[in-house]
Amino acid sequence: QVQLVESGGGLVQAGGSLRLSCAASGRTFSNYAMGWFRQAPGKEREFVAAISWSGGSTYYADSVKGRFTISKNNAKNTVYLQMNGLKPEDTAVYYCAADPSLSRVRTAQGMGVDYWGKGTLVTVSS
């Protein structure tokens, strides 16, 4: 089992920044690819970013490319999502995901991903 706990969400004005953290416990964190997904009110969950188990490869949704950065610290069992240039359309609950398979944390809605956090709310005001 892997337990994931997100933090760092909050209210920010458009153009501002936030850094989300996801602390993992349980099985060996370094063996897992990690991803961030989000779900806005009335919408389906969508892929945001993913990182390989080594941290050497990263992937982003087109909507956040150039604004968000995912990183992983295996020594601290933590994955981060640095979000800059936030827009009102980034408002959503952000979820951390973990899976041994990088391909599963890159799917559009995270279908089949083994582990999920409970989410942290990000609200961007215009």
Foldseek 3Di string as FASTA:
>chain_A
DKAKAKDWADEEAAQAKIKMKIAIDDPQLLLKKKFKWWDDPPGAIFGAKIAASNRPDIDGDPVQPPFWDWGADSVRRMIMIIGGRDDQVVWTWMKMFIASDRVQNPDTRSPPTDDIYPTDTHGYHD
